[in-house]
Amino acid sequence: MEEHTERKIPMIAAKETGPGPGRYNLPPTVGFVGHDYTKYSSPAYSFHGRTTHSAHLSDCSPGPRYYVEPCLTRFGRSAGPAYSILARGKSADNKATVPGPGVYKPEKCLIPTHRKPPSYSMGSRTRYRSVDQVPAPNTYSLPPVVGPRVPLKVSAPSFSLSGRTHRGGHSEDLSSTPGPAHYYQTDNNIYMRRGPAYSMLGRHQTSKSSSGAPGPGAYSPEKVTSGKSKAPAYSMGIRHSEYTTPLIVEVPN
């Protein structure tokens, strides 16, 4: 058998009975009534026409001369807490034991989130029975705060000086091991580079024959300028002629 496929007929939008795109409306963003709640709205003011004076003849409300507090809005009062100081009012029942404001002490109220220093109370000593073996207050003693072994206290390092003991002291060598001075120190020239060595000997006796060699004191090494720079030197004097007779002046005694 042959299978017959159905032909799909496209739908015409004009034949649809549903609302069109222009049917849907978004809430307005202008004005106050029906404003879109997802958008911010500016303050709105209303303008009315001027009414005749005859319409307010039966109205006993005050005029604009009265002062309106700034905290009053069309939604109600918008202001912080305010307090007024007035005289104490008389209670309806004179026998009522109502505490006054001075009885309460809020400064003594403990705040769980605040830190509190330790507090102590002082009271009278309770009476003991004659059978009880209770020690006196001076029987108890606190640990000293001087020395290295103080609980809950930081102490500085302390040292003790004592005499040297022959038995059981640090100077007693129980193992009889040699000290550092017993070991022979190897010369460094054996396993390292040998350094320069000099020998000092006595002066040799010179021969009896006189020699013209100068001694060590004859040399002046400080006057040698061949290997180093030398400043210019000048001599100051008078030039004399070999043929001029010297001036001789007789001085009376």
C-alpha atoms as a PDB file:
ATOM      1  CA  MET A   1       0.000   0.000   0.000  1.00  0.00           C
ATOM      2  CA  GLU A   2       1.189   3.485  -0.761  1.00  0.00           C
ATOM      3  CA  GLU A   3       1.525   5.905   2.075  1.00  0.00           C
ATOM      4  CA  HIS A   4       0.049   9.398   1.534  1.00  0.00           C
ATOM      5  CA  THR A   5       1.918  12.276   3.232  1.00  0.00           C
ATOM      6  CA  GLU A   6      -0.158  15.179   4.503  1.00  0.00           C
ATOM      7  CA  ARG A   7       0.704  18.554   3.062  1.00  0.00           C
ATOM      8  CA  LYS A   8       1.430  21.212   5.652  1.00  0.00           C
ATOM      9  CA  ILE A   9      -0.454  24.419   5.041  1.00  0.00           C
ATOM     10  CA  PRO A  10       1.217  27.574   6.374  1.00  0.00           C
ATOM     11  CA  MET A  11      -0.770  29.487   8.969  1.00  0.00           C
ATOM     12  CA  ILE A  12      -1.934  32.989   8.204  1.00  0.00           C
ATOM     13  CA  ALA A  13      -1.396  35.513  10.964  1.00  0.00           C
ATOM     14  CA  ALA A  14      -4.549  37.419  10.001  1.00  0.00           C
ATOM     15  CA  LYS A  15      -6.694  34.417  10.833  1.00  0.00           C
ATOM     16  CA  GLU A  16      -5.319  34.123  14.375  1.00  0.00           C
ATOM     17  CA  THR A  17      -7.733  35.252  17.068  1.00  0.00           C
ATOM     18  CA  GLY A  18      -5.075  35.968  19.748  1.00  0.00           C
ATOM     19  CA  PRO A  19      -3.995  39.503  20.771  1.00  0.00           C
ATOM     20  CA  GLY A  20      -1.327  41.191  18.703  1.00  0.00           C
ATOM     21  CA  PRO A  21       1.941  42.756  19.859  1.00  0.00           C
ATOM     22  CA  GLY A  22       0.251  46.080  20.417  1.00  0.00           C
ATOM     23  CA  ARG A  23      -2.114  44.532  22.915  1.00  0.00           C
ATOM     24  CA  TYR A  24       0.559  44.185  25.629  1.00  0.00           C
ATOM     25  CA  ASN A  25       1.561  47.258  27.632  1.00  0.00           C
ATOM     26  CA  LEU A  26       4.454  47.813  30.017  1.00  0.00           C
ATOM     27  CA  PRO A  27       3.898  49.828  33.189  1.00  0.00           C
ATOM     28  CA  PRO A  28       4.781  53.501  32.641  1.00  0.00           C
ATOM     29  CA  THR A  29       7.925  55.098  34.030  1.00  0.00           C
ATOM     30  CA  VAL A  30       6.435  58.601  34.063  1.00  0.00           C
ATOM     31  CA  GLY A  31       4.194  59.737  36.884  1.00  0.00           C
ATOM     32  CA  PHE A  32       3.360  58.229  40.227  1.00  0.00           C
ATOM     33  CA  VAL A  33       0.197  56.179  39.655  1.00  0.00           C
ATOM     34  CA  GLY A  34       0.913  52.770  38.148  1.00  0.00           C
ATOM     35  CA  HIS A  35       4.670  53.491  37.997  1.00  0.00           C
ATOM     36  CA  ASP A  36       7.019  50.616  37.175  1.00  0.00           C
ATOM     37  CA  TYR A  37       8.153  49.301  40.550  1.00  0.00           C
ATOM     38  CA  THR A  38      11.492  48.155  39.091  1.00  0.00           C
ATOM     39  CA  LYS A  39      12.473  51.748  38.260  1.00  0.00           C
ATOM     40  CA  TYR A  40      13.256  54.720  40.490  1.00  0.00           C
ATOM     41  CA  SER A  41      10.610  57.440  40.607  1.00  0.00           C
ATOM     42  CA  SER A  42      11.165  61.126  41.283  1.00  0.00           C
ATOM     43  CA  PRO A  43       8.964  63.106  43.675  1.00  0.00           C
ATOM     44  CA  ALA A  44       5.632  63.966  42.102  1.00  0.00           C
ATOM     45  CA  TYR A  45       3.607  67.076  42.730  1.00  0.00           C
ATOM     46  CA  SER A  46       0.011  67.823  41.814  1.00  0.00           C
ATOM     47  CA  PHE A  47      -1.367  71.149  40.540  1.00  0.00           C
ATOM     48  CA  HIS A  48      -5.007  72.049  41.116  1.00  0.00           C
ATOM     49  CA  GLY A  49      -7.037  74.924  39.954  1.00  0.00           C
ATOM     50  CA  ARG A  50      -7.851  77.826  42.214  1.00  0.00           C
ATOM     51  CA  THR A  51     -11.151  77.378  43.988  1.00  0.00           C
ATOM     52  CA  THR A  52     -13.496  80.184  44.889  1.00  0.00           C
ATOM     53  CA  HIS A  53     -13.484  81.652  48.385  1.00  0.00           C
ATOM     54  CA  SER A  54     -17.111  80.725  48.879  1.00  0.00           C
ATOM     55  CA  ALA A  55     -16.188  77.035  48.936  1.00  0.00           C
ATOM     56  CA  HIS A  56     -14.115  77.503  52.124  1.00  0.00           C
ATOM     57  CA  LEU A  57     -16.719  79.435  54.114  1.00  0.00           C
ATOM     58  CA  SER A  58     -17.762  76.287  55.989  1.00  0.00           C
ATOM     59  CA  ASP A  59     -14.148  75.049  56.349  1.00  0.00           C
ATOM     60  CA  CYS A  60     -12.664  75.574  59.843  1.00  0.00           C
ATOM     61  CA  SER A  61      -9.192  74.243  59.067  1.00  0.00           C
ATOM     62  CA  PRO A  62      -6.175  76.486  59.735  1.00  0.00           C
ATOM     63  CA  GLY A  63      -4.519  78.349  56.909  1.00  0.00           C
ATOM     64  CA  PRO A  64      -0.941  78.182  55.648  1.00  0.00           C
ATOM     65  CA  ARG A  65       0.321  80.398  58.453  1.00  0.00           C
ATOM     66  CA  TYR A  66       0.863  77.366  60.687  1.00  0.00           C
ATOM     67  CA  TYR A  67       4.288  75.759  60.753  1.00  0.00           C
ATOM     68  CA  VAL A  68       4.537  72.200  59.422  1.00  0.00           C
ATOM     69  CA  GLU A  69       7.391  70.131  60.771  1.00  0.00           C
ATOM     70  CA  PRO A  70       9.907  68.971  58.128  1.00  0.00           C
ATOM     71  CA  CYS A  71       9.797  65.413  59.475  1.00  0.00           C
ATOM     72  CA  LEU A  72       6.140  65.032  58.442  1.00  0.00           C
ATOM     73  CA  THR A  73       5.756  63.338  55.074  1.00  0.00           C
ATOM     74  CA  ARG A  74       2.777  61.971  53.202  1.00  0.00           C
ATOM     75  CA  PHE A  75       3.838  58.519  54.364  1.00  0.00           C
ATOM     76  CA  GLY A  76       4.032  59.527  58.030  1.00  0.00           C
ATOM     77  CA  ARG A  77       6.690  60.879  60.423  1.00  0.00           C
ATOM     78  CA  SER A  78      10.271  60.307  59.312  1.00  0.00           C
ATOM     79  CA  ALA A  79      12.700  61.360  62.056  1.00  0.00           C
ATOM     80  CA  GLY A  80      15.040  59.912  64.637  1.00  0.00           C
ATOM     81  CA  PRO A  81      14.139  59.281  68.260  1.00  0.00           C
ATOM     82  CA  ALA A  82      13.495  62.492  70.186  1.00  0.00           C
ATOM     83  CA  TYR A  83      13.292  62.946  73.912  1.00  0.00           C
ATOM     84  CA  SER A  84      11.667  65.667  75.961  1.00  0.00           C
ATOM     85  CA  ILE A  85      12.537  66.659  79.538  1.00  0.00           C
ATOM     86  CA  LEU A  86       9.382  67.267  81.548  1.00  0.00           C
ATOM     87  CA  ALA A  87       8.429  67.316  85.190  1.00  0.00           C
ATOM     88  CA  ARG A  88       7.537  64.081  86.889  1.00  0.00           C
ATOM     89  CA  GLY A  89       3.846  63.432  86.572  1.00  0.00           C
ATOM     90  CA  LYS A  90       1.682  62.469  89.518  1.00  0.00           C
ATOM     91  CA  SER A  91       0.781  58.812  89.687  1.00  0.00           C
ATOM     92  CA  ALA A  92      -2.889  57.865  89.897  1.00  0.00           C
ATOM     93  CA  ASP A  93      -2.311  55.750  92.992  1.00  0.00           C
ATOM     94  CA  ASN A  94      -0.210  57.423  95.680  1.00  0.00           C
ATOM     95  CA  LYS A  95       0.495  54.102  97.367  1.00  0.00           C
ATOM     96  CA  ALA A  96       2.016  52.545  94.247  1.00  0.00           C
ATOM     97  CA  THR A  97       5.683  51.639  94.763  1.00  0.00           C
ATOM     98  CA  VAL A  98       6.905  52.481  91.279  1.00  0.00           C
ATOM     99  CA  PRO A  99      10.704  53.007  91.145  1.00  0.00           C
ATOM    100  CA  GLY A 100      11.949  56.276  89.808  1.00  0.00           C
ATOM    101  CA  PRO A 101      14.551  56.803  87.064  1.00  0.00           C
ATOM    102  CA  GLY A 102      17.330  57.195  89.654  1.00  0.00           C
ATOM    103  CA  VAL A 103      16.812  53.679  90.971  1.00  0.00           C
ATOM    104  CA  TYR A 104      17.961  52.059  87.749  1.00  0.00           C
ATOM    105  CA  LYS A 105      21.717  51.751  87.098  1.00  0.00           C
ATOM    106  CA  PRO A 106      22.313  50.914  83.453  1.00  0.00           C
ATOM    107  CA  GLU A 107      26.094  51.353  83.859  1.00  0.00           C
ATOM    108  CA  LYS A 108      26.158  48.168  85.954  1.00  0.00           C
ATOM    109  CA  CYS A 109      24.412  46.131  83.280  1.00  0.00           C
ATOM    110  CA  LEU A 110      26.781  43.606  81.738  1.00  0.00           C
ATOM    111  CA  ILE A 111      27.146  43.751  77.966  1.00  0.00           C
ATOM    112  CA  PRO A 112      27.969  40.300  76.570  1.00  0.00           C
ATOM    113  CA  THR A 113      30.088  41.690  73.720  1.00  0.00           C
ATOM    114  CA  HIS A 114      32.249  43.918  75.958  1.00  0.00           C
ATOM    115  CA  ARG A 115      35.221  42.889  78.045  1.00  0.00           C
ATOM    116  CA  LYS A 116      34.922  43.168  81.799  1.00  0.00           C
ATOM    117  CA  PRO A 117      37.813  43.459  84.285  1.00  0.00           C
ATOM    118  CA  PRO A 118      37.872  41.117  87.269  1.00  0.00           C
ATOM    119  CA  SER A 119      35.870  42.348  90.228  1.00  0.00           C
ATOM    120  CA  TYR A 120      36.254  41.395  93.850  1.00  0.00           C
ATOM    121  CA  SER A 121      33.981  41.780  96.827  1.00  0.00           C
ATOM    122  CA  MET A 122      35.109  42.374 100.404  1.00  0.00           C
ATOM    123  CA  GLY A 123      32.971  41.015 103.217  1.00  0.00           C
ATOM    124  CA  SER A 124      33.278  40.118 106.837  1.00  0.00           C
ATOM    125  CA  ARG A 125      34.984  36.910 107.915  1.00  0.00           C
ATOM    126  CA  THR A 126      32.613  34.043 108.513  1.00  0.00           C
ATOM    127  CA  ARG A 127      32.702  32.306 111.820  1.00  0.00           C
ATOM    128  CA  TYR A 128      34.327  28.905 112.037  1.00  0.00           C
ATOM    129  CA  ARG A 129      33.450  26.120 114.314  1.00  0.00           C
ATOM    130  CA  SER A 130      35.825  25.139 117.052  1.00  0.00           C
ATOM    131  CA  VAL A 131      36.076  21.677 115.511  1.00  0.00           C
ATOM    132  CA  ASP A 132      37.309  22.943 112.148  1.00  0.00           C
ATOM    133  CA  GLN A 133      41.082  23.010 111.616  1.00  0.00           C
ATOM    134  CA  VAL A 134      41.211  26.088 109.412  1.00  0.00           C
ATOM    135  CA  PRO A 135      44.656  27.690 108.932  1.00  0.00           C
ATOM    136  CA  ALA A 136      45.125  31.399 109.488  1.00  0.00           C
ATOM    137  CA  PRO A 137      45.655  33.811 106.555  1.00  0.00           C
ATOM    138  CA  ASN A 138      49.367  34.204 107.353  1.00  0.00           C
ATOM    139  CA  THR A 139      49.857  30.447 106.955  1.00  0.00           C
ATOM    140  CA  TYR A 140      49.580  30.704 103.186  1.00  0.00           C
ATOM    141  CA  SER A 141      52.562  32.005 101.248  1.00  0.00           C
ATOM    142  CA  LEU A 142      52.844  33.047  97.630  1.00  0.00           C
ATOM    143  CA  PRO A 143      55.745  31.809  95.525  1.00  0.00           C
ATOM    144  CA  PRO A 144      58.653  34.269  95.330  1.00  0.00           C
ATOM    145  CA  VAL A 145      59.139  36.371  92.223  1.00  0.00           C
ATOM    146  CA  VAL A 146      62.952  36.410  92.498  1.00  0.00           C
ATOM    147  CA  GLY A 147      64.884  33.581  90.915  1.00  0.00           C
ATOM    148  CA  PRO A 148      64.654  31.363  87.847  1.00  0.00           C
ATOM    149  CA  ARG A 149      61.953  28.973  89.056  1.00  0.00           C
ATOM    150  CA  VAL A 150      58.944  31.270  89.301  1.00  0.00           C
ATOM    151  CA  PRO A 151      55.646  29.917  87.923  1.00  0.00           C
ATOM    152  CA  LEU A 152      53.722  32.148  85.497  1.00  0.00           C
ATOM    153  CA  LYS A 153      56.561  34.716  85.518  1.00  0.00           C
ATOM    154  CA  VAL A 154      59.259  35.495  82.973  1.00  0.00           C
ATOM    155  CA  SER A 155      62.706  35.402  84.561  1.00  0.00           C
ATOM    156  CA  ALA A 156      66.080  36.497  83.244  1.00  0.00           C
ATOM    157  CA  PRO A 157      68.936  33.989  82.910  1.00  0.00           C
ATOM    158  CA  SER A 158      70.725  33.396  86.197  1.00  0.00           C
ATOM    159  CA  PHE A 159      74.164  31.999  86.802  1.00  0.00           C
ATOM    160  CA  SER A 160      75.757  30.508  89.886  1.00  0.00           C
ATOM    161  CA  LEU A 161      79.454  30.760  90.883  1.00  0.00           C
ATOM    162  CA  SER A 162      80.944  27.989  92.979  1.00  0.00           C
ATOM    163  CA  GLY A 163      84.374  26.593  93.743  1.00  0.00           C
ATOM    164  CA  ARG A 164      86.037  23.896  91.672  1.00  0.00           C
ATOM    165  CA  THR A 165      85.438  20.415  92.966  1.00  0.00           C
ATOM    166  CA  HIS A 166      87.942  17.617  92.481  1.00  0.00           C
ATOM    167  CA  ARG A 167      85.360  14.869  92.650  1.00  0.00           C
ATOM    168  CA  GLY A 168      82.347  14.932  90.400  1.00  0.00           C
ATOM    169  CA  GLY A 169      83.215  18.310  88.853  1.00  0.00           C
ATOM    170  CA  HIS A 170      83.840  19.292  85.268  1.00  0.00           C
ATOM    171  CA  SER A 171      87.588  19.363  85.843  1.00  0.00           C
ATOM    172  CA  GLU A 172      87.642  15.683  86.757  1.00  0.00           C
ATOM    173  CA  ASP A 173      88.557  13.547  83.784  1.00  0.00           C
ATOM    174  CA  LEU A 174      86.967  10.173  84.404  1.00  0.00           C
ATOM    175  CA  SER A 175      87.890   8.780  80.991  1.00  0.00           C
ATOM    176  CA  SER A 176      91.563   9.880  81.303  1.00  0.00           C
ATOM    177  CA  THR A 177      91.567  11.247  77.760  1.00  0.00           C
ATOM    178  CA  PRO A 178      94.398  13.552  76.657  1.00  0.00           C
ATOM    179  CA  GLY A 179      93.737  17.269  76.560  1.00  0.00           C
ATOM    180  CA  PRO A 180      94.120  19.560  73.525  1.00  0.00           C
ATOM    181  CA  ALA A 181      97.718  20.408  74.525  1.00  0.00           C
ATOM    182  CA  HIS A 182      98.735  16.722  74.309  1.00  0.00           C
ATOM    183  CA  TYR A 183      98.276  16.568  70.549  1.00  0.00           C
ATOM    184  CA  TYR A 184     101.188  17.556  68.311  1.00  0.00           C
ATOM    185  CA  GLN A 185     100.410  20.309  65.827  1.00  0.00           C
ATOM    186  CA  THR A 186     101.679  19.580  62.346  1.00  0.00           C
ATOM    187  CA  ASP A 187     103.719  22.317  60.718  1.00  0.00           C
ATOM    188  CA  ASN A 188     101.781  24.125  57.995  1.00  0.00           C
ATOM    189  CA  ASN A 189     104.818  24.082  55.672  1.00  0.00           C
ATOM    190  CA  ILE A 190     104.476  20.293  55.343  1.00  0.00           C
ATOM    191  CA  TYR A 191     101.080  20.167  53.635  1.00  0.00           C
ATOM    192  CA  MET A 192     100.768  23.817  52.485  1.00  0.00           C
ATOM    193  CA  ARG A 193     102.869  26.183  50.399  1.00  0.00           C
ATOM    194  CA  ARG A 194     106.086  26.994  52.211  1.00  0.00           C
ATOM    195  CA  GLY A 195     106.465  30.632  53.157  1.00  0.00           C
ATOM    196  CA  PRO A 196     109.630  32.706  53.062  1.00  0.00           C
ATOM    197  CA  ALA A 197     112.160  31.944  55.825  1.00  0.00           C
ATOM    198  CA  TYR A 198     114.902  34.175  57.139  1.00  0.00           C
ATOM    199  CA  SER A 199     117.835  33.439  59.377  1.00  0.00           C
ATOM    200  CA  MET A 200     119.560  35.829  61.759  1.00  0.00           C
ATOM    201  CA  LEU A 201     123.262  35.234  62.455  1.00  0.00           C
ATOM    202  CA  GLY A 202     126.001  37.115  64.265  1.00  0.00           C
ATOM    203  CA  ARG A 203     128.276  39.627  62.577  1.00  0.00           C
ATOM    204  CA  HIS A 204     131.399  38.120  61.055  1.00  0.00           C
ATOM    205  CA  GLN A 205     134.738  39.413  62.225  1.00  0.00           C
ATOM    206  CA  THR A 206     136.473  41.540  59.601  1.00  0.00           C
ATOM    207  CA  SER A 207     140.013  40.753  58.639  1.00  0.00           C
ATOM    208  CA  LYS A 208     142.821  42.738  60.200  1.00  0.00           C
ATOM    209  CA  SER A 209     143.840  44.047  56.813  1.00  0.00           C
ATOM    210  CA  SER A 210     142.342  47.476  56.315  1.00  0.00           C
ATOM    211  CA  SER A 211     139.914  47.603  53.451  1.00  0.00           C
ATOM    212  CA  GLY A 212     138.522  50.675  51.786  1.00  0.00           C
ATOM    213  CA  ALA A 213     134.908  49.333  51.822  1.00  0.00           C
ATOM    214  CA  PRO A 214     132.455  51.763  53.431  1.00  0.00           C
ATOM    215  CA  GLY A 215     130.414  50.690  56.419  1.00  0.00           C
ATOM    216  CA  PRO A 216     126.574  50.545  56.626  1.00  0.00           C
ATOM    217  CA  GLY A 217     126.447  54.052  58.111  1.00  0.00           C
ATOM    218  CA  ALA A 218     128.196  55.549  55.106  1.00  0.00           C
ATOM    219  CA  TYR A 219     125.202  55.024  52.876  1.00  0.00           C
ATOM    220  CA  SER A 220     122.297  57.504  52.806  1.00  0.00           C
ATOM    221  CA  PRO A 221     119.391  55.774  51.030  1.00  0.00           C
ATOM    222  CA  GLU A 222     117.065  58.711  51.760  1.00  0.00           C
ATOM    223  CA  LYS A 223     119.135  60.887  49.397  1.00  0.00           C
ATOM    224  CA  VAL A 224     118.751  58.575  46.431  1.00  0.00           C
ATOM    225  CA  THR A 225     116.286  60.028  43.897  1.00  0.00           C
ATOM    226  CA  SER A 226     117.048  57.904  40.853  1.00  0.00           C
ATOM    227  CA  GLY A 227     114.017  55.670  41.295  1.00  0.00           C
ATOM    228  CA  LYS A 228     111.513  58.281  42.492  1.00  0.00           C
ATOM    229  CA  SER A 229     110.499  61.852  41.741  1.00  0.00           C
ATOM    230  CA  LYS A 230     112.340  64.736  43.358  1.00  0.00           C
ATOM    231  CA  ALA A 231     111.145  68.262  44.021  1.00  0.00           C
ATOM    232  CA  PRO A 232     113.280  71.138  42.728  1.00  0.00           C
ATOM    233  CA  ALA A 233     115.858  72.397  45.244  1.00  0.00           C
ATOM    234  CA  TYR A 234     117.417  75.824  45.418  1.00  0.00           C
ATOM    235  CA  SER A 235     120.392  77.224  47.325  1.00  0.00           C
ATOM    236  CA  MET A 236     120.522  80.760  48.655  1.00  0.00           C
ATOM    237  CA  GLY A 237     123.937  82.536  49.072  1.00  0.00           C
ATOM    238  CA  ILE A 238     126.296  85.273  47.781  1.00  0.00           C
ATOM    239  CA  ARG A 239     128.568  84.757  44.840  1.00  0.00           C
ATOM    240  CA  HIS A 240     132.146  85.765  45.730  1.00  0.00           C
ATOM    241  CA  SER A 241     135.004  86.396  43.394  1.00  0.00           C
ATOM    242  CA  GLU A 242     138.281  84.707  43.991  1.00  0.00           C
ATOM    243  CA  TYR A 243     140.071  88.000  43.386  1.00  0.00           C
ATOM    244  CA  THR A 244     138.092  90.211  45.771  1.00  0.00           C
ATOM    245  CA  THR A 245     139.742  91.164  49.071  1.00  0.00           C
ATOM    246  CA  PRO A 246     137.469  90.361  52.020  1.00  0.00           C
ATOM    247  CA  LEU A 247     136.228  93.303  54.132  1.00  0.00           C
ATOM    248  CA  ILE A 248     137.924  93.432  57.532  1.00  0.00           C
ATOM    249  CA  VAL A 249     136.555  95.869  60.097  1.00  0.00           C
ATOM    250  CA  GLU A 250     138.337  96.542  63.366  1.00  0.00           C
ATOM    251  CA  VAL A 251     136.022  96.379  66.370  1.00  0.00           C
ATOM    252  CA  PRO A 252     137.132  98.153  69.565  1.00  0.00           C
ATOM    253  CA  ASN A 253     137.306  95.954  72.619  1.00  0.00           C
END
